[in-house]
Amino acid sequence: MRERQSHNNVLWRALKETKQVYIEGGKDAYHRFMALNTECPIPYIPKLQCHSGNALLLPNMVLSEGPVKTINYQFDEVDGRPALLTDLTKTEAKKGTLLLYVLQQQIHSYNGWPDDFRLKIKVETITPDMFTVVPSTLLTLRQSTNGCLALVDDRFADPMLGFGLVHIINGHVSTQHVITRCTYYERFTTEEALQAAAKSYKGLTGEE
């Protein structure tokens, strides 16, 4: 629980730096963000790295919460190119504002020092003309007789990036989470990682 809370704090700071935080539930955005992100994998990070602000790109991290209809999306290909397929229709995409959150896992290694891993988040405004209409048969998330919309970009194949598409309508937002191909976090979820993190704090019961 301590590791989860500590890591979620760093994730919160990374999201807050974008100045595009949209979380409507709870008594305040911070506490609601912490509560929403209790289902993500728990990374066990050694004390030095944890206190240095290191953060990991996690699948299913909640980016926003609100009453607007959630956008479902998945990775796929359109005409042989990587794409983010959504269940948005043309009509829906013309309403309000669409923001694409792009999360990047950055890793730096130094001789004799542990890896330094940072999470950078940027936000891009998406306009309706940036989408490609695809047959609904490509999308397993929802059937639509008018087809669905996809963002086509080589970035969607990048194993160090994550994405979330947030819809803002009349000052309210959709509840969205991150999807990613990144698996770097997995090395911090093992039993070995847990033991290494625990030992870095010292004072383990039974420790000689």
Protein backbone atom coordinates (compact mmCIF):
# COMPACT_ATOMS: atom_id res chain seq x y z
CA MET A 1 0.00 0.00 0.00
CA ARG A 2 2.87 2.38 0.77
CA GLU A 3 4.53 1.63 -2.55
CA ARG A 4 1.26 2.18 -4.41
CA GLN A 5 0.56 5.48 -2.66
CA SER A 6 4.11 6.73 -3.15
CA HIS A 7 4.10 5.88 -6.86
CA ASN A 8 0.62 7.31 -7.42
CA ASN A 9 1.83 10.57 -5.89
CA VAL A 10 4.51 10.81 -8.57
CA LEU A 11 1.96 9.94 -11.28
CA TRP A 12 -0.29 12.71 -9.95
CA ARG A 13 2.52 15.26 -10.16
CA ALA A 14 3.26 14.21 -13.75
CA LEU A 15 -0.41 14.62 -14.70
CA LYS A 16 -0.70 17.93 -12.85
CA GLU A 17 2.25 19.34 -14.78
CA THR A 18 0.13 19.19 -17.95
CA LYS A 19 -2.30 21.70 -16.40
CA GLN A 20 -5.02 19.57 -17.97
CA VAL A 21 -6.45 17.69 -14.99
CA TYR A 22 -10.14 16.78 -15.29
CA ILE A 23 -11.38 14.70 -12.36
CA GLU A 24 -14.85 15.60 -11.15
CA GLY A 25 -15.57 13.05 -8.42
CA GLY A 26 -14.58 13.03 -4.75
CA LYS A 27 -13.83 15.91 -2.39
CA ASP A 28 -10.92 17.08 -4.58
CA ALA A 29 -9.07 15.97 -7.72
CA TYR A 30 -5.99 14.69 -5.89
CA HIS A 31 -7.76 12.36 -3.47
CA ARG A 32 -10.08 11.11 -6.20
CA PHE A 33 -7.12 10.39 -8.50
CA MET A 34 -5.46 8.39 -5.72
CA ALA A 35 -8.67 6.42 -5.11
CA LEU A 36 -9.27 5.72 -8.80
CA ASN A 37 -5.79 4.37 -9.34
CA THR A 38 -5.86 1.52 -6.87
CA GLU A 39 -6.40 -1.14 -9.55
CA CYS A 40 -3.19 -0.56 -11.51
CA PRO A 41 -0.25 -2.95 -11.06
CA ILE A 42 1.82 -2.12 -7.96
CA PRO A 43 5.45 -1.28 -8.81
CA TYR A 44 8.00 -1.99 -6.07
CA ILE A 45 10.62 0.73 -6.37
CA PRO A 46 13.76 0.98 -4.17
CA LYS A 47 13.92 3.92 -1.77
CA LEU A 48 16.54 5.91 -3.68
CA GLN A 49 14.64 5.74 -6.95
CA CYS A 50 11.28 6.32 -5.31
CA HIS A 51 12.42 9.48 -3.50
CA SER A 52 14.04 10.74 -6.71
CA GLY A 53 10.67 11.05 -8.43
CA ASN A 54 10.95 8.02 -10.70
CA ALA A 55 7.67 6.85 -12.21
CA LEU A 56 6.48 4.05 -14.44
CA LEU A 57 4.02 3.99 -17.31
CA LEU A 58 1.23 1.68 -16.11
CA PRO A 59 -1.63 0.19 -18.12
CA ASN A 60 -5.15 1.27 -17.11
CA MET A 61 -4.01 4.38 -15.24
CA VAL A 62 -7.09 6.60 -14.90
CA LEU A 63 -6.56 10.01 -16.50
CA SER A 64 -9.96 11.64 -16.10
CA GLU A 65 -13.37 11.13 -14.54
CA GLY A 66 -16.70 12.67 -15.42
CA PRO A 67 -20.26 12.04 -16.68
CA VAL A 68 -19.58 12.32 -20.44
CA LYS A 69 -19.81 8.98 -22.27
CA THR A 70 -16.56 7.04 -22.05
CA ILE A 71 -14.64 6.62 -25.31
CA ASN A 72 -13.58 3.03 -25.89
CA TYR A 73 -10.36 2.54 -27.82
CA GLN A 74 -7.88 -0.14 -28.80
CA PHE A 75 -4.64 -0.51 -30.76
CA ASP A 76 -4.92 -1.89 -34.29
CA GLU A 77 -3.85 -1.16 -37.85
CA VAL A 78 -5.50 0.84 -40.61
CA ASP A 79 -4.15 0.24 -44.11
CA GLY A 80 -1.04 -1.32 -42.62
CA ARG A 81 -0.27 1.56 -40.26
CA PRO A 82 -0.54 1.64 -36.46
CA ALA A 83 -3.76 3.20 -35.25
CA LEU A 84 -5.86 3.99 -32.23
CA LEU A 85 -9.34 2.76 -33.06
CA THR A 86 -12.19 4.40 -31.16
CA ASP A 87 -15.93 3.90 -30.95
CA LEU A 88 -16.49 7.59 -31.69
CA THR A 89 -18.75 8.54 -34.59
CA LYS A 90 -18.39 11.65 -36.74
CA THR A 91 -21.28 13.32 -34.97
CA GLU A 92 -19.83 12.66 -31.53
CA ALA A 93 -16.36 13.89 -32.53
CA LYS A 94 -17.78 17.27 -33.53
CA LYS A 95 -19.10 17.89 -30.04
CA GLY A 96 -16.94 19.68 -27.49
CA THR A 97 -13.17 19.16 -27.36
CA LEU A 98 -11.04 16.03 -27.69
CA LEU A 99 -7.69 15.81 -25.93
CA LEU A 100 -5.10 13.11 -26.59
CA TYR A 101 -2.84 12.43 -23.61
CA VAL A 102 0.53 11.05 -24.68
CA LEU A 103 2.57 9.41 -21.92
CA GLN A 104 6.24 8.62 -22.51
CA GLN A 105 8.39 6.29 -20.43
CA GLN A 106 11.90 7.70 -20.35
CA ILE A 107 14.81 5.59 -19.13
CA HIS A 108 18.37 6.69 -18.38
CA SER A 109 21.17 4.52 -17.06
CA TYR A 110 24.36 5.71 -15.42
CA ASN A 111 27.50 3.76 -14.63
CA GLY A 112 27.30 2.44 -11.11
CA TRP A 113 23.89 3.98 -10.48
CA PRO A 114 20.36 2.53 -10.73
CA ASP A 115 18.23 3.28 -13.75
CA ASP A 116 16.53 6.65 -13.77
CA PHE A 117 13.02 6.30 -15.19
CA ARG A 118 10.67 9.22 -15.69
CA LEU A 119 7.14 9.63 -16.99
CA LYS A 120 6.43 12.60 -19.20
CA ILE A 121 2.88 13.50 -20.19
CA LYS A 122 1.81 15.93 -22.88
CA VAL A 123 -1.65 16.82 -24.15
CA GLU A 124 -2.66 17.41 -27.77
CA THR A 125 -5.94 18.81 -29.08
CA ILE A 126 -7.57 16.50 -31.62
CA THR A 127 -9.87 17.92 -34.29
CA PRO A 128 -12.47 15.88 -36.23
CA ASP A 129 -10.51 16.15 -39.48
CA MET A 130 -7.58 14.30 -37.89
CA PHE A 131 -9.59 11.06 -37.73
CA THR A 132 -9.88 8.35 -40.36
CA VAL A 133 -13.22 6.62 -40.79
CA VAL A 134 -12.89 2.84 -40.56
CA PRO A 135 -15.44 0.04 -40.99
CA SER A 136 -17.04 -0.89 -37.70
CA THR A 137 -16.06 -4.52 -38.35
CA LEU A 138 -12.48 -3.58 -37.41
CA LEU A 139 -13.60 -2.44 -34.01
CA THR A 140 -14.53 -5.04 -31.43
CA LEU A 141 -15.61 -2.44 -28.90
CA ARG A 142 -18.90 -1.31 -30.45
CA GLN A 143 -20.80 -1.85 -33.69
CA SER A 144 -21.75 1.25 -35.68
CA THR A 145 -23.55 1.29 -39.00
CA ASN A 146 -21.78 4.54 -39.91
CA GLY A 147 -18.28 3.28 -39.17
CA CYS A 148 -15.97 4.46 -36.42
CA LEU A 149 -13.09 6.91 -36.14
CA ALA A 150 -9.40 6.10 -35.81
CA LEU A 151 -6.26 8.11 -35.27
CA VAL A 152 -3.53 6.76 -37.55
CA ASP A 153 0.05 7.44 -36.47
CA ASP A 154 3.27 5.42 -36.18
CA ARG A 155 3.45 6.48 -32.53
CA PHE A 156 0.73 3.98 -31.66
CA ALA A 157 3.23 1.16 -32.22
CA ASP A 158 5.85 2.70 -29.91
CA PRO A 159 6.48 0.35 -26.95
CA MET A 160 7.44 3.26 -24.69
CA LEU A 161 4.30 5.34 -25.17
CA GLY A 162 0.82 5.28 -23.66
CA PHE A 163 -2.34 7.10 -24.73
CA GLY A 164 -5.69 8.29 -23.46
CA LEU A 165 -8.39 10.20 -25.35
CA VAL A 166 -10.54 12.51 -23.21
CA HIS A 167 -13.79 14.12 -24.37
CA ILE A 168 -14.84 17.47 -22.89
CA ILE A 169 -18.42 18.65 -23.45
CA ASN A 170 -19.97 21.69 -21.72
CA GLY A 171 -17.33 21.71 -19.01
CA HIS A 172 -17.66 18.01 -18.20
CA VAL A 173 -15.40 15.13 -19.24
CA SER A 174 -15.42 11.45 -20.03
CA THR A 175 -13.83 8.87 -17.73
CA GLN A 176 -10.74 7.56 -19.50
CA HIS A 177 -7.77 5.31 -18.84
CA VAL A 178 -4.37 4.74 -20.42
CA ILE A 179 -3.63 2.01 -22.91
CA THR A 180 -0.02 1.17 -23.69
CA ARG A 181 2.26 -1.42 -25.21
CA CYS A 182 4.92 -0.60 -22.62
CA THR A 183 6.00 -3.50 -20.40
CA TYR A 184 8.97 -1.86 -18.69
CA TYR A 185 6.99 -1.66 -15.44
CA GLU A 186 6.76 -5.46 -15.22
CA ARG A 187 10.30 -5.82 -13.85
CA PHE A 188 9.15 -3.85 -10.80
CA THR A 189 6.16 -6.10 -10.04
CA THR A 190 7.97 -9.36 -9.26
CA GLU A 191 8.64 -10.95 -5.87
CA GLU A 192 12.33 -10.14 -6.38
CA ALA A 193 11.48 -6.49 -6.93
CA LEU A 194 9.35 -6.47 -3.78
CA GLN A 195 12.19 -7.91 -1.69
CA ALA A 196 14.76 -5.52 -3.18
CA ALA A 197 12.51 -2.52 -2.50
CA ALA A 198 11.80 -3.67 1.06
CA LYS A 199 15.49 -4.18 1.81
CA SER A 200 16.31 -0.69 0.56
CA TYR A 201 14.22 0.74 3.41
CA LYS A 202 15.97 -1.52 5.95
CA GLY A 203 14.48 -2.66 9.25
CA LEU A 204 12.93 -5.88 7.90
CA THR A 205 11.65 -8.33 10.50
CA GLY A 206 14.11 -11.18 10.92
CA GLU A 207 16.91 -9.24 9.26
CA GLU A 208 20.32 -10.07 10.75
